[in-house]
Amino acid sequence: MQVTDTKIDGVKIIQPKVFGDARGFFLETFEKRRYQEMLDIDLDFVQDNHSRSSRGVLRGLHFQKDKSSGQTSACSAW
């Protein structure tokens, strides 16, 4: 897994290692110990969502000031 800082404070790009061959691919999307070590945070991860949108659809993250929460987001291209 590779972690890259961004210009936005607290936002990082996390690129998992992908293992692939002619049959397809496998990647580990989340492993608590690894995230805690690489990001140096105490993590209580309780939900993971996956969404696929039609071509041309742009999705965004929603922020709530009163009920804030940490979020992970994965982007895939077909």
N, C-alpha and C. Protein backbone atom coordinates (compact mmCIF):
# COMPACT_ATOMS: atom_id res chain seq x y z
N MET A 1 0.85 -1.17 0.00
CA MET A 1 0.00 0.00 0.00
C MET A 1 0.89 1.23 0.00
N GLN A 2 0.53 2.20 -0.82
CA GLN A 2 1.28 3.45 -0.89
C GLN A 2 0.39 4.59 -0.40
N VAL A 3 0.90 5.43 0.48
CA VAL A 3 0.16 6.57 1.02
C VAL A 3 0.82 7.85 0.55
N THR A 4 0.03 8.75 -0.05
CA THR A 4 0.53 10.01 -0.58
C THR A 4 -0.22 11.17 0.06
N ASP A 5 0.50 12.15 0.59
CA ASP A 5 -0.13 13.36 1.13
C ASP A 5 -0.68 14.21 -0.01
N THR A 6 -1.68 15.02 0.30
CA THR A 6 -2.25 15.94 -0.69
C THR A 6 -2.11 17.37 -0.18
N LYS A 7 -2.53 18.33 -0.98
CA LYS A 7 -2.48 19.73 -0.57
C LYS A 7 -3.55 20.06 0.47
N ILE A 8 -4.53 19.16 0.63
CA ILE A 8 -5.61 19.38 1.61
C ILE A 8 -5.20 18.73 2.93
N ASP A 9 -5.18 19.52 3.99
CA ASP A 9 -4.75 19.03 5.30
C ASP A 9 -5.61 17.85 5.75
N GLY A 10 -4.97 16.75 6.10
CA GLY A 10 -5.68 15.58 6.59
C GLY A 10 -6.18 14.62 5.52
N VAL A 11 -6.04 14.99 4.25
CA VAL A 11 -6.50 14.13 3.15
C VAL A 11 -5.29 13.43 2.54
N LYS A 12 -5.39 12.12 2.41
CA LYS A 12 -4.30 11.32 1.84
C LYS A 12 -4.85 10.44 0.74
N ILE A 13 -4.01 10.12 -0.22
CA ILE A 13 -4.36 9.16 -1.27
C ILE A 13 -3.73 7.83 -0.88
N ILE A 14 -4.56 6.80 -0.78
CA ILE A 14 -4.10 5.47 -0.40
C ILE A 14 -4.27 4.56 -1.60
N GLN A 15 -3.16 4.04 -2.11
CA GLN A 15 -3.19 3.15 -3.27
C GLN A 15 -2.80 1.74 -2.83
N PRO A 16 -3.77 0.82 -2.86
CA PRO A 16 -3.46 -0.55 -2.45
C PRO A 16 -2.62 -1.26 -3.50
N LYS A 17 -1.89 -2.27 -3.06
CA LYS A 17 -1.12 -3.09 -3.99
C LYS A 17 -2.08 -4.07 -4.67
N VAL A 18 -2.04 -4.13 -5.99
CA VAL A 18 -2.93 -4.99 -6.76
C VAL A 18 -2.13 -6.18 -7.28
N PHE A 19 -2.64 -7.37 -7.02
CA PHE A 19 -2.02 -8.61 -7.50
C PHE A 19 -2.91 -9.14 -8.62
N GLY A 20 -2.38 -9.16 -9.85
CA GLY A 20 -3.22 -9.59 -10.96
C GLY A 20 -2.52 -10.53 -11.92
N ASP A 21 -3.33 -11.26 -12.65
CA ASP A 21 -2.84 -12.13 -13.72
C ASP A 21 -3.98 -12.29 -14.74
N ALA A 22 -3.87 -13.25 -15.64
CA ALA A 22 -4.85 -13.44 -16.70
C ALA A 22 -6.26 -13.74 -16.17
N ARG A 23 -6.35 -14.24 -14.95
CA ARG A 23 -7.66 -14.59 -14.38
C ARG A 23 -8.40 -13.40 -13.80
N GLY A 24 -7.68 -12.34 -13.47
CA GLY A 24 -8.29 -11.18 -12.84
C GLY A 24 -7.32 -10.55 -11.86
N PHE A 25 -7.85 -10.00 -10.77
CA PHE A 25 -6.98 -9.36 -9.79
C PHE A 25 -7.54 -9.50 -8.38
N PHE A 26 -6.68 -9.23 -7.41
CA PHE A 26 -7.04 -9.21 -6.00
C PHE A 26 -6.35 -8.03 -5.36
N LEU A 27 -7.05 -7.34 -4.47
CA LEU A 27 -6.43 -6.30 -3.68
C LEU A 27 -7.09 -6.25 -2.31
N GLU A 28 -6.31 -5.89 -1.33
CA GLU A 28 -6.82 -5.74 0.03
C GLU A 28 -7.29 -4.30 0.18
N THR A 29 -8.59 -4.10 0.40
CA THR A 29 -9.11 -2.74 0.51
C THR A 29 -8.96 -2.16 1.90
N PHE A 30 -8.94 -3.02 2.92
CA PHE A 30 -8.82 -2.50 4.28
C PHE A 30 -8.26 -3.57 5.20
N GLU A 31 -7.33 -3.19 6.05
CA GLU A 31 -6.80 -4.05 7.10
C GLU A 31 -6.41 -3.11 8.24
N LYS A 32 -7.13 -3.20 9.34
CA LYS A 32 -7.04 -2.23 10.43
C LYS A 32 -5.61 -1.97 10.89
N ARG A 33 -4.85 -3.01 11.20
CA ARG A 33 -3.49 -2.84 11.71
C ARG A 33 -2.61 -2.07 10.72
N ARG A 34 -2.71 -2.41 9.46
CA ARG A 34 -1.89 -1.75 8.43
C ARG A 34 -2.24 -0.26 8.33
N TYR A 35 -3.54 0.05 8.33
CA TYR A 35 -3.95 1.46 8.27
C TYR A 35 -3.46 2.22 9.49
N GLN A 36 -3.58 1.63 10.67
CA GLN A 36 -3.13 2.30 11.88
C GLN A 36 -1.63 2.58 11.84
N GLU A 37 -0.85 1.62 11.36
CA GLU A 37 0.60 1.80 11.29
C GLU A 37 1.00 2.82 10.23
N MET A 38 0.43 2.74 9.05
CA MET A 38 0.85 3.62 7.96
C MET A 38 0.34 5.04 8.12
N LEU A 39 -0.84 5.20 8.73
CA LEU A 39 -1.42 6.53 8.87
C LEU A 39 -1.21 7.12 10.26
N ASP A 40 -0.68 6.31 11.19
CA ASP A 40 -0.43 6.74 12.56
C ASP A 40 -1.68 7.32 13.21
N ILE A 41 -2.78 6.56 13.14
CA ILE A 41 -4.04 6.99 13.73
C ILE A 41 -4.66 5.82 14.50
N ASP A 42 -5.48 6.16 15.50
CA ASP A 42 -6.27 5.15 16.20
C ASP A 42 -7.57 5.02 15.42
N LEU A 43 -7.84 3.86 14.91
CA LEU A 43 -8.92 3.68 13.94
C LEU A 43 -10.02 2.78 14.48
N ASP A 44 -11.26 3.25 14.36
CA ASP A 44 -12.43 2.45 14.69
C ASP A 44 -13.32 2.45 13.45
N PHE A 45 -12.99 1.62 12.51
CA PHE A 45 -13.65 1.57 11.20
C PHE A 45 -14.89 0.71 11.31
N VAL A 46 -16.06 1.26 10.99
CA VAL A 46 -17.30 0.52 11.21
C VAL A 46 -18.16 0.34 9.96
N GLN A 47 -17.85 1.01 8.86
CA GLN A 47 -18.69 0.90 7.67
C GLN A 47 -17.86 1.08 6.42
N ASP A 48 -18.17 0.29 5.38
CA ASP A 48 -17.50 0.38 4.09
C ASP A 48 -18.56 0.27 3.00
N ASN A 49 -18.64 1.25 2.13
CA ASN A 49 -19.63 1.25 1.06
C ASN A 49 -18.94 1.21 -0.29
N HIS A 50 -19.62 0.66 -1.28
CA HIS A 50 -19.11 0.64 -2.65
C HIS A 50 -20.26 1.05 -3.56
N SER A 51 -19.98 1.96 -4.47
CA SER A 51 -21.00 2.46 -5.38
C SER A 51 -20.44 2.51 -6.79
N ARG A 52 -21.26 2.18 -7.77
CA ARG A 52 -20.85 2.31 -9.16
C ARG A 52 -21.84 3.23 -9.85
N SER A 53 -21.33 4.25 -10.52
CA SER A 53 -22.18 5.23 -11.20
C SER A 53 -22.07 5.07 -12.70
N SER A 54 -23.08 5.54 -13.39
CA SER A 54 -23.08 5.51 -14.86
C SER A 54 -22.05 6.48 -15.41
N ARG A 55 -21.66 6.27 -16.66
CA ARG A 55 -20.70 7.15 -17.33
C ARG A 55 -21.17 8.60 -17.26
N GLY A 56 -20.25 9.50 -16.93
CA GLY A 56 -20.55 10.92 -16.88
C GLY A 56 -21.06 11.42 -15.52
N VAL A 57 -21.29 10.52 -14.58
CA VAL A 57 -21.77 10.90 -13.26
C VAL A 57 -20.56 11.24 -12.38
N LEU A 58 -20.63 12.35 -11.68
CA LEU A 58 -19.57 12.77 -10.77
C LEU A 58 -20.12 12.68 -9.35
N ARG A 59 -19.45 11.93 -8.51
CA ARG A 59 -19.88 11.79 -7.12
C ARG A 59 -18.96 12.61 -6.23
N GLY A 60 -19.47 13.00 -5.09
CA GLY A 60 -18.67 13.77 -4.14
C GLY A 60 -18.84 13.25 -2.73
N LEU A 61 -18.00 13.74 -1.84
CA LEU A 61 -18.12 13.43 -0.42
C LEU A 61 -18.94 14.53 0.24
N HIS A 62 -19.74 14.16 1.21
CA HIS A 62 -20.59 15.12 1.90
C HIS A 62 -20.03 15.34 3.30
N PHE A 63 -19.97 16.60 3.71
CA PHE A 63 -19.43 16.95 5.02
C PHE A 63 -20.55 17.48 5.90
N GLN A 64 -20.59 17.03 7.15
CA GLN A 64 -21.53 17.54 8.14
C GLN A 64 -20.73 18.09 9.30
N LYS A 65 -20.90 19.37 9.55
CA LYS A 65 -20.13 20.00 10.62
C LYS A 65 -20.56 19.51 12.01
N ASP A 66 -21.86 19.38 12.25
CA ASP A 66 -22.35 18.99 13.57
C ASP A 66 -22.15 17.50 13.86
N LYS A 67 -22.24 16.65 12.85
CA LYS A 67 -22.07 15.21 13.03
C LYS A 67 -20.97 14.71 12.10
N SER A 68 -19.77 15.23 12.30
CA SER A 68 -18.67 14.90 11.39
C SER A 68 -18.23 13.45 11.58
N SER A 69 -17.65 12.90 10.52
CA SER A 69 -17.12 11.53 10.57
C SER A 69 -15.98 11.41 9.58
N GLY A 70 -15.03 10.53 9.89
CA GLY A 70 -13.97 10.25 8.94
C GLY A 70 -14.51 9.39 7.81
N GLN A 71 -14.00 9.57 6.62
CA GLN A 71 -14.50 8.80 5.48
C GLN A 71 -13.35 8.30 4.62
N THR A 72 -13.55 7.14 4.03
CA THR A 72 -12.65 6.67 2.99
C THR A 72 -13.44 6.64 1.70
N SER A 73 -12.78 6.85 0.60
CA SER A 73 -13.44 6.84 -0.70
C SER A 73 -12.54 6.12 -1.69
N ALA A 74 -13.13 5.25 -2.50
CA ALA A 74 -12.38 4.53 -3.52
C ALA A 74 -12.90 4.93 -4.89
N CYS A 75 -11.99 5.16 -5.82
CA CYS A 75 -12.38 5.52 -7.18
C CYS A 75 -11.91 4.44 -8.14
N SER A 76 -12.81 4.00 -9.00
CA SER A 76 -12.49 2.96 -9.99
C SER A 76 -12.84 3.48 -11.38
N ALA A 77 -12.09 3.04 -12.36
CA ALA A 77 -12.38 3.42 -13.75
C ALA A 77 -12.55 2.16 -14.58
N TRP A 78 -13.54 2.15 -15.44
CA TRP A 78 -13.75 1.02 -16.34
C TRP A 78 -13.43 1.44 -17.74
